[in-house]
């Protein structure tokens, strides 16, 4: 019998567990921010893309010329070929670095940027856990699931070693687009995709499945709404920069890439001196996008219901995002961030135990990060060519395995319980939950 005003022992215990869990989560989050801030102070010794492209653009914005960020270029004539939203984490870091007198320090400005970017990485991990939880009906151990994102070598190498601080922002927007797509919010899906492209231009690869998703059920209007909303968002975001410095923006975002040579980490290195190498230099990304669109369209044609599930959409995004590093004329380790994140969510969102063969996909993509990084040590050597072919093989096999798994999937099993009409959400047994 419970006396009025007496605390229930069970409720009290549950309350303590919840408070402890929240405190532990906050503590680990603070530790992650601290590690992201301190790591550059110890490891940053050479300039990266943060210093060569992003930082000069951010300094231009901070100095009072935000629409001329594409005029800031490295002395070698290489432009920042990402959208202006990629500067979101860098501009406040530049302003703070100028105030502290750290703007001239490679390590100091990398540390400030790393602190800000770490907040986006934490948000990305939170979004991933939420998506996985929605697909499975709950996640019993969210911290290990979040760790697959927070401790991903592709992300750490991309941010710390190469300075591509825009990728966590891009991925947050893409996961937001997935969530809105699953809720059939087509206009908002397009806006999120447009914002992602304004952050990192190759996010266009990830737009392919989300635009084609409604077409799987022969719904032209929702597809058009998504595509038009995306295009309008990109146009609104770029118009002020084009009006201020149109020729530079056009060169940075469109024509500059065609002048770059075939480099390391790609199987195209074998065709470096071929008579048709010019086609690869100009159209590598377009070839990859065309193949990705064809494969996604075929998969959706065979299994239209995949467009309505967490597993289906993240699987299709894994496949589409693999085709950038697969067909790009030069590949860097941070090109693996997108396929890794999507494959990790695809793997953990599946019903049943997480200990299955699908874990090999994000694992193989992580290994590929180091294969590509090793290829950069001697890009034009025999080893560089072998590494480029090996990397392409890993990506092709990963895309093929995910595609086959999607085609063989039981739609009822793959479907998200949160978005099946008329379905009541029920707790998932602990044995079926993600680790």
Protein backbone atom coordinates (compact mmCIF):
# COMPACT_ATOMS: atom_id res chain seq x y z
CA UNK A 1 0.00 0.00 0.00
CA UNK A 2 1.33 3.38 -1.02
CA UNK A 3 1.09 6.26 1.50
CA UNK A 4 0.05 9.63 0.11
CA UNK A 5 3.14 11.65 -0.74
CA UNK A 6 5.46 8.64 -0.57
CA UNK A 7 7.74 8.17 -3.59
CA UNK A 8 7.35 4.89 -5.42
CA UNK A 9 10.60 2.92 -5.15
CA UNK A 10 10.34 1.81 -8.78
CA UNK A 11 9.55 5.29 -10.04
CA UNK A 12 12.31 6.76 -7.92
CA UNK A 13 14.78 4.25 -9.31
CA UNK A 14 13.69 4.92 -12.89
CA UNK A 15 14.03 8.65 -12.27
CA UNK A 16 17.58 8.20 -10.97
CA UNK A 17 18.50 6.06 -13.96
CA UNK A 18 17.14 8.68 -16.38
CA UNK A 19 19.00 11.51 -14.63
CA UNK A 20 22.22 9.49 -14.57
CA UNK A 21 21.83 8.60 -18.23
CA UNK A 22 21.30 12.23 -19.22
CA UNK A 23 24.28 13.33 -17.14
CA UNK A 24 26.47 10.67 -18.74
CA UNK A 25 25.32 11.69 -22.21
CA UNK A 26 26.04 15.36 -21.51
CA UNK A 27 29.43 14.46 -20.06
CA UNK A 28 30.38 12.38 -23.10
CA UNK A 29 29.18 15.16 -25.40
CA UNK A 30 31.37 17.68 -23.56
CA UNK A 31 34.30 15.27 -23.78
CA UNK A 32 33.77 14.95 -27.53
CA UNK A 33 33.77 18.74 -27.96
CA UNK A 34 36.93 18.96 -25.86
CA UNK A 35 38.65 16.25 -27.90
CA UNK A 36 37.64 17.95 -31.15
CA UNK A 37 39.10 21.21 -29.86
CA UNK A 38 42.34 19.81 -28.43
CA UNK A 39 43.19 17.39 -31.25
CA UNK A 40 44.14 20.11 -33.77
CA UNK A 41 46.35 21.80 -31.16
CA UNK A 42 48.39 18.61 -30.96
CA UNK A 43 48.15 17.20 -34.49
CA UNK A 44 47.75 20.18 -36.80
CA UNK A 45 51.13 20.89 -38.42
CA UNK A 46 50.43 21.48 -42.14
CA UNK A 47 47.84 23.51 -44.04
CA UNK A 48 44.67 21.74 -45.13
CA UNK A 49 41.69 22.76 -47.25
CA UNK A 50 40.44 24.62 -44.20
CA UNK A 51 43.44 26.95 -44.48
CA UNK A 52 43.69 27.08 -48.27
CA UNK A 53 40.03 27.58 -49.21
CA UNK A 54 37.56 27.85 -46.35
CA UNK A 55 39.47 30.20 -44.07
CA UNK A 56 40.27 32.88 -46.70
CA UNK A 57 36.59 32.87 -47.69
CA UNK A 58 35.51 33.17 -44.06
CA UNK A 59 37.94 36.03 -43.49
CA UNK A 60 36.48 37.79 -46.52
CA UNK A 61 33.00 37.45 -45.01
CA UNK A 62 34.14 38.61 -41.57
CA UNK A 63 35.89 41.64 -43.08
CA UNK A 64 32.55 42.90 -44.38
CA UNK A 65 32.33 41.34 -47.86
CA UNK A 66 30.17 38.22 -47.40
CA UNK A 67 29.12 38.11 -51.08
CA UNK A 68 32.73 38.03 -52.31
CA UNK A 69 33.74 34.82 -50.55
CA UNK A 70 34.51 33.12 -53.86
CA UNK A 71 37.05 35.80 -54.74
CA UNK A 72 39.29 34.52 -51.95
CA UNK A 73 41.40 31.84 -53.60
CA UNK A 74 44.61 29.98 -53.01
CA UNK A 75 47.65 31.32 -54.84
CA UNK A 76 47.62 28.24 -57.09
CA UNK A 77 44.33 29.39 -58.61
CA UNK A 78 42.22 26.60 -57.07
CA UNK A 79 38.80 27.75 -55.92
CA UNK A 80 36.50 26.73 -53.10
CA UNK A 81 34.03 24.62 -55.11
CA UNK A 82 31.45 24.16 -52.36
CA UNK A 83 28.36 26.23 -51.71
CA UNK A 84 28.35 29.22 -49.36
CA UNK A 85 26.58 27.31 -46.57
CA UNK A 86 29.80 25.32 -46.13
CA UNK A 87 31.19 28.39 -44.36
CA UNK A 88 28.58 28.24 -41.59
CA UNK A 89 30.95 26.68 -39.01
CA UNK A 90 34.00 28.62 -40.23
CA UNK A 91 32.77 32.22 -40.16
CA UNK A 92 32.13 32.35 -36.37
CA UNK A 93 35.47 30.59 -35.83
CA UNK A 94 37.21 33.25 -37.96
CA UNK A 95 35.53 36.06 -36.06
CA UNK A 96 36.54 34.53 -32.73
CA UNK A 97 40.10 33.84 -33.96
CA UNK A 98 40.50 37.47 -34.99
CA UNK A 99 39.27 38.60 -31.58
CA UNK A 100 41.71 36.28 -29.80
CA UNK A 101 44.61 36.97 -32.15
CA UNK A 102 44.72 33.34 -33.34
CA UNK A 103 43.90 33.95 -37.01
CA UNK A 104 47.52 33.41 -38.03
CA UNK A 105 47.88 30.13 -36.14
CA UNK A 106 47.08 26.94 -38.07
CA UNK A 107 46.47 25.01 -34.87
CA UNK A 108 44.57 27.79 -33.13
CA UNK A 109 42.05 28.42 -35.87
CA UNK A 110 41.65 24.68 -36.50
CA UNK A 111 40.89 24.21 -32.80
CA UNK A 112 38.21 26.92 -32.80
CA UNK A 113 36.66 25.52 -35.97
CA UNK A 114 36.85 21.99 -34.56
CA UNK A 115 34.91 23.06 -31.47
CA UNK A 116 32.09 24.50 -33.58
CA UNK A 117 32.03 21.60 -36.04
CA UNK A 118 31.87 19.10 -33.18
CA UNK A 119 28.42 20.45 -32.33
CA UNK A 120 27.22 19.53 -35.81
CA UNK A 121 28.79 16.08 -35.48
CA UNK A 122 26.91 15.57 -32.21
CA UNK A 123 23.70 16.68 -33.92
CA UNK A 124 24.42 14.25 -36.75
CA UNK A 125 24.87 11.39 -34.29
CA UNK A 126 21.62 12.35 -32.54
CA UNK A 127 19.76 12.38 -35.86
CA UNK A 128 21.18 8.98 -36.76
CA UNK A 129 20.04 7.48 -33.46
CA UNK A 130 16.58 8.99 -33.95
CA UNK A 131 16.26 7.56 -37.46
CA UNK A 132 17.40 4.13 -36.31
CA UNK A 133 15.05 4.27 -33.33
CA UNK A 134 12.10 5.23 -35.55
CA UNK A 135 12.85 2.31 -37.87
CA UNK A 136 13.19 -0.25 -35.10
CA UNK A 137 10.65 1.11 -32.64
CA UNK A 138 13.38 2.11 -30.19
CA UNK A 139 17.11 1.84 -29.44
CA UNK A 140 18.10 0.27 -26.15
CA UNK A 141 21.75 1.37 -26.21
CA UNK A 142 21.92 4.74 -28.00
CA UNK A 143 25.51 5.57 -27.02
CA UNK A 144 27.14 2.67 -28.95
CA UNK A 145 24.92 3.54 -31.91
CA UNK A 146 25.97 7.19 -31.73
CA UNK A 147 29.60 6.07 -31.48
CA UNK A 148 29.41 4.63 -34.99
CA UNK A 149 29.11 8.24 -36.15
CA UNK A 150 31.14 10.10 -33.54
CA UNK A 151 34.18 7.83 -33.85
CA UNK A 152 34.03 7.27 -37.61
CA UNK A 153 37.58 7.52 -39.05
CA UNK A 154 36.20 9.02 -42.27
CA UNK A 155 34.77 11.98 -40.34
CA UNK A 156 37.82 12.50 -38.13
CA UNK A 157 40.25 12.30 -41.06
CA UNK A 158 38.04 14.51 -43.21
CA UNK A 159 37.82 17.24 -40.57
CA UNK A 160 41.18 17.04 -38.83
CA UNK A 161 43.46 16.05 -41.70
CA UNK A 162 41.76 17.60 -44.73
CA UNK A 163 39.78 20.41 -43.12
CA UNK A 164 36.44 19.60 -44.74
CA UNK A 165 34.36 21.02 -41.95
CA UNK A 166 31.29 21.41 -44.16
CA UNK A 167 30.48 17.69 -44.27
CA UNK A 168 28.78 17.36 -40.85
CA UNK A 169 26.53 20.31 -41.77
CA UNK A 170 25.73 18.68 -45.11
CA UNK A 171 24.96 15.32 -43.50
CA UNK A 172 22.66 16.90 -40.89
CA UNK A 173 20.66 18.49 -43.70
CA UNK A 174 20.51 15.21 -45.65
CA UNK A 175 19.23 13.27 -42.63
CA UNK A 176 16.66 16.00 -42.14
CA UNK A 177 15.64 15.51 -45.78
CA UNK A 178 15.22 11.77 -45.15
CA UNK A 179 12.97 12.42 -42.16
CA UNK A 180 10.79 14.84 -44.12
CA UNK A 181 10.64 12.51 -47.11
CA UNK A 182 9.38 9.67 -44.92
CA UNK A 183 6.70 12.02 -43.63
CA UNK A 184 5.78 12.89 -47.22
CA UNK A 185 6.73 16.55 -46.72
CA UNK A 186 7.90 17.00 -50.29
CA UNK A 187 8.52 20.77 -50.32
CA UNK A 188 10.51 20.63 -47.07
CA UNK A 189 12.47 17.67 -48.43
CA UNK A 190 13.43 19.78 -51.43
CA UNK A 191 14.42 22.73 -49.24
CA UNK A 192 16.67 20.48 -47.11
CA UNK A 193 18.26 18.99 -50.24
CA UNK A 194 18.86 22.45 -51.67
CA UNK A 195 20.48 23.58 -48.42
CA UNK A 196 22.68 20.46 -48.44
CA UNK A 197 23.82 21.23 -52.01
CA UNK A 198 24.53 24.82 -50.95
CA UNK A 199 26.75 23.32 -48.25
CA UNK A 200 28.56 20.72 -50.35
CA UNK A 201 27.90 20.52 -54.08
CA UNK A 202 28.23 16.76 -54.40
CA UNK A 203 25.21 16.37 -52.13
CA UNK A 204 23.44 16.31 -55.49
CA UNK A 205 24.26 12.58 -55.61
CA UNK A 206 22.24 12.10 -52.43
CA UNK A 207 19.33 14.04 -53.91
CA UNK A 208 18.82 11.35 -56.57
CA UNK A 209 16.97 8.76 -54.41
CA UNK A 210 14.90 11.37 -52.59
CA UNK A 211 13.74 12.97 -55.85
CA UNK A 212 13.04 9.63 -57.53
CA UNK A 213 11.26 8.17 -54.48
CA UNK A 214 7.74 9.44 -55.36
CA UNK A 215 8.20 8.32 -58.96
CA UNK A 216 8.40 4.73 -57.73
CA UNK A 217 4.65 4.83 -57.14
CA UNK A 218 4.08 6.85 -60.34
CA UNK A 219 3.47 10.09 -58.46
CA UNK A 220 4.80 12.83 -60.72
CA UNK A 221 3.55 15.81 -58.72
CA UNK A 222 5.38 14.99 -55.42
CA UNK A 223 8.59 14.37 -57.37
CA UNK A 224 8.21 17.70 -59.16
CA UNK A 225 7.53 19.50 -55.90
CA UNK A 226 10.72 18.09 -54.36
CA UNK A 227 12.84 18.92 -57.40
CA UNK A 228 11.42 22.44 -57.83
CA UNK A 229 11.79 23.24 -54.12
CA UNK A 230 15.40 22.07 -54.26
CA UNK A 231 16.19 24.14 -57.36
CA UNK A 232 14.50 27.24 -55.97
CA UNK A 233 16.45 26.90 -52.71
CA UNK A 234 19.75 26.61 -54.58
CA UNK A 235 18.90 29.56 -56.80
CA UNK A 236 17.88 31.77 -53.87
CA UNK A 237 21.06 30.81 -52.01
CA UNK A 238 23.41 31.50 -54.94
CA UNK A 239 21.75 34.53 -56.58
CA UNK A 240 23.27 37.19 -54.26
CA UNK A 241 26.76 35.75 -54.84
CA UNK A 242 26.23 35.56 -58.62
CA UNK A 243 25.03 39.17 -58.74
CA UNK A 244 28.07 40.29 -56.74
CA UNK A 245 30.76 38.26 -58.55
CA UNK A 246 29.16 36.05 -61.20
CA UNK A 247 32.22 35.00 -63.21
CA UNK A 248 34.15 33.87 -60.13
CA UNK A 249 31.18 31.95 -58.72
CA UNK A 250 30.63 30.22 -62.07
CA UNK A 251 34.27 29.24 -62.32
CA UNK A 252 34.45 28.04 -58.72
CA UNK A 253 31.29 25.94 -58.75
CA UNK A 254 31.01 24.81 -62.38
CA UNK A 255 33.96 25.14 -64.73
CA UNK A 256 36.94 24.87 -62.38
CA UNK A 257 36.65 21.11 -61.86
CA UNK A 258 36.99 20.36 -65.56
CA UNK A 259 40.50 21.79 -65.56
CA UNK A 260 41.75 19.45 -62.85
CA UNK A 261 43.74 16.40 -63.90
CA UNK A 262 43.09 12.74 -63.12
CA UNK A 263 44.66 11.98 -59.76
CA UNK A 264 45.06 9.36 -57.09
CA UNK A 265 42.60 7.03 -55.43
CA UNK A 266 40.61 6.45 -58.61
CA UNK A 267 40.62 3.62 -61.14
CA UNK A 268 40.65 6.33 -63.82
CA UNK A 269 44.38 6.67 -63.10
CA UNK A 270 44.81 3.79 -65.56
CA UNK A 271 43.42 6.04 -68.31
CA UNK A 272 45.47 9.09 -67.40
CA UNK A 273 47.28 9.16 -70.76
CA UNK A 274 44.51 7.69 -72.90
CA UNK A 275 43.22 9.65 -75.90
CA UNK A 276 39.79 9.91 -74.23
CA UNK A 277 41.13 11.04 -70.83
CA UNK A 278 39.70 14.50 -71.51
CA UNK A 279 36.19 13.07 -71.33
CA UNK A 280 36.95 11.71 -67.86
CA UNK A 281 38.35 15.05 -66.72
CA UNK A 282 35.21 16.88 -67.86
CA UNK A 283 32.43 14.39 -67.18
CA UNK A 284 33.54 12.04 -64.37
CA UNK A 285 30.93 13.32 -61.91
CA UNK A 286 28.17 13.31 -64.52
CA UNK A 287 28.95 9.73 -65.51
CA UNK A 288 28.75 8.69 -61.85
CA UNK A 289 25.48 10.57 -61.35
CA UNK A 290 23.94 8.96 -64.45
CA UNK A 291 24.88 5.45 -63.32
CA UNK A 292 23.62 6.15 -59.79
CA UNK A 293 20.30 7.47 -61.12
CA UNK A 294 19.86 4.45 -63.38
CA UNK A 295 20.56 1.94 -60.62
CA UNK A 296 18.34 3.73 -58.08
CA UNK A 297 15.53 3.99 -60.63
CA UNK A 298 15.74 0.27 -61.48
CA UNK A 299 15.74 -0.66 -57.79
CA UNK A 300 12.72 1.53 -57.07
CA UNK A 301 10.97 0.15 -60.13
CA UNK A 302 11.40 -3.37 -58.74
CA UNK A 303 10.63 -2.42 -55.12
CA UNK A 304 8.58 0.81 -54.98
CA UNK A 305 7.85 0.42 -51.26
CA UNK A 306 11.54 0.99 -50.43
CA UNK A 307 10.89 4.71 -50.88
CA UNK A 308 8.64 4.67 -47.79
CA UNK A 309 11.05 2.99 -45.35
CA UNK A 310 14.08 4.06 -43.34
CA UNK A 311 16.06 1.03 -44.47
CA UNK A 312 15.03 1.50 -48.09
CA UNK A 313 15.91 5.19 -48.30
CA UNK A 314 19.21 4.95 -46.43
CA UNK A 315 20.14 1.92 -48.51
CA UNK A 316 19.42 3.81 -51.73
CA UNK A 317 21.39 6.80 -50.43
CA UNK A 318 24.30 4.47 -49.63
CA UNK A 319 24.24 3.20 -53.20
CA UNK A 320 23.95 6.67 -54.77
CA UNK A 321 26.68 8.20 -52.61
CA UNK A 322 29.10 5.37 -53.46
CA UNK A 323 29.15 6.47 -57.08
CA UNK A 324 30.93 9.77 -56.43
CA UNK A 325 34.16 8.20 -55.09
CA UNK A 326 33.71 5.30 -57.52
CA UNK A 327 33.70 7.49 -60.65
CA UNK A 328 35.53 10.63 -59.48
CA UNK A 329 38.78 11.29 -61.31
CA UNK A 330 40.51 11.98 -58.00
CA UNK A 331 39.43 10.50 -54.67
CA UNK A 332 40.25 11.63 -51.15
CA UNK A 333 39.41 9.88 -47.86
CA UNK A 334 36.67 12.36 -46.95
CA UNK A 335 34.74 11.26 -50.07
CA UNK A 336 33.80 8.18 -48.04
CA UNK A 337 31.96 10.14 -45.32
CA UNK A 338 28.55 10.12 -47.03
CA UNK A 339 28.47 6.43 -48.00
CA UNK A 340 29.80 5.43 -44.57
CA UNK A 341 27.17 7.35 -42.59
CA UNK A 342 24.29 6.13 -44.74
CA UNK A 343 25.53 2.53 -44.68
CA UNK A 344 25.88 2.61 -40.88
CA UNK A 345 22.26 3.76 -40.52
CA UNK A 346 21.09 1.21 -43.13
CA UNK A 347 22.87 -1.54 -41.20
CA UNK A 348 21.58 -0.63 -37.74
CA UNK A 349 18.04 0.24 -38.84
CA UNK A 350 17.40 -3.33 -39.96
CA UNK A 351 15.24 -5.46 -37.66
CA UNK A 352 17.03 -8.18 -35.71
CA UNK A 353 20.49 -8.32 -34.25
CA UNK A 354 23.13 -5.85 -35.39
CA UNK A 355 25.68 -8.66 -35.59
CA UNK A 356 25.15 -9.69 -39.21
CA UNK A 357 26.93 -9.50 -42.55
CA UNK A 358 25.61 -5.99 -43.25
CA UNK A 359 28.13 -4.64 -40.74
CA UNK A 360 30.78 -5.47 -43.35
CA UNK A 361 29.57 -2.60 -45.57
CA UNK A 362 30.45 0.32 -43.23
CA UNK A 363 33.51 -1.66 -42.11
CA UNK A 364 34.76 -2.10 -45.69
CA UNK A 365 34.14 1.58 -46.41
CA UNK A 366 36.20 2.46 -43.34
CA UNK A 367 39.05 0.27 -44.60
CA UNK A 368 38.73 2.02 -47.96
CA UNK A 369 39.37 5.35 -46.23
CA UNK A 370 42.86 4.16 -45.36
CA UNK A 371 43.41 2.58 -48.78
CA UNK A 372 42.68 5.92 -50.45
CA UNK A 373 44.84 7.78 -47.94
CA UNK A 374 47.74 5.39 -48.62
CA UNK A 375 47.30 5.91 -52.37
CA UNK A 376 47.93 9.63 -51.89
CA UNK A 377 51.46 8.89 -50.67
CA UNK A 378 52.50 7.91 -54.18
CA UNK A 379 49.63 8.76 -56.50
CA UNK A 380 51.27 8.05 -59.86
CA UNK A 381 53.12 4.88 -58.84
CA UNK A 382 52.10 1.28 -59.40
CA UNK A 383 50.88 1.19 -55.79
CA UNK A 384 48.76 4.28 -56.42
CA UNK A 385 47.13 2.58 -59.41
CA UNK A 386 46.55 -0.64 -57.48
CA UNK A 387 45.04 1.27 -54.56
CA UNK A 388 42.76 3.21 -56.92
CA UNK A 389 41.47 0.01 -58.51
CA UNK A 390 41.08 -1.65 -55.10
CA UNK A 391 39.12 1.33 -53.78
CA UNK A 392 36.81 1.25 -56.79
CA UNK A 393 36.28 -2.48 -56.27
CA UNK A 394 35.32 -1.96 -52.62
CA UNK A 395 32.81 0.74 -53.55
CA UNK A 396 31.34 -1.30 -56.41
CA UNK A 397 30.93 -4.38 -54.22
CA UNK A 398 29.39 -2.30 -51.41
CA UNK A 399 26.87 -0.72 -53.80
CA UNK A 400 26.07 -4.10 -55.34
CA UNK A 401 25.55 -5.85 -51.99
CA UNK A 402 23.29 -3.11 -50.66
CA UNK A 403 21.28 -3.12 -53.89
CA UNK A 404 20.84 -6.90 -53.85
CA UNK A 405 19.82 -6.79 -50.18
CA UNK A 406 17.22 -4.10 -50.91
CA UNK A 407 15.81 -6.09 -53.82
CA UNK A 408 15.56 -9.22 -51.68
CA UNK A 409 14.15 -7.44 -48.63
CA UNK A 410 10.72 -8.30 -47.31
CA UNK A 411 8.96 -4.95 -47.60
CA UNK A 412 6.85 -5.63 -44.49
CA UNK A 413 10.02 -6.26 -42.50
CA UNK A 414 11.88 -3.31 -43.98
CA UNK A 415 9.02 -0.88 -43.54
CA UNK A 416 9.26 1.61 -40.73
CA UNK A 417 6.57 1.03 -38.08
CA UNK A 418 6.42 4.75 -37.46
CA UNK A 419 5.16 5.46 -40.96
CA UNK A 420 2.90 2.52 -41.82
CA UNK A 421 -0.69 3.74 -41.93
CA UNK A 422 -2.83 2.05 -39.32
CA UNK A 423 0.10 0.44 -37.57
CA UNK A 424 0.41 0.71 -33.80
CA UNK A 425 3.94 1.13 -32.49
CA UNK A 426 4.96 -1.58 -30.08
CA UNK A 427 8.12 -1.91 -28.02
CA UNK A 428 10.82 -3.93 -29.71
CA UNK A 429 12.18 -6.86 -27.69
CA UNK A 430 15.58 -6.17 -26.20
CA UNK A 431 17.08 -9.01 -28.21
CA UNK A 432 16.12 -7.22 -31.42
CA UNK A 433 17.36 -3.79 -30.49
CA UNK A 434 20.50 -2.18 -31.78
CA UNK A 435 23.49 -2.41 -29.49
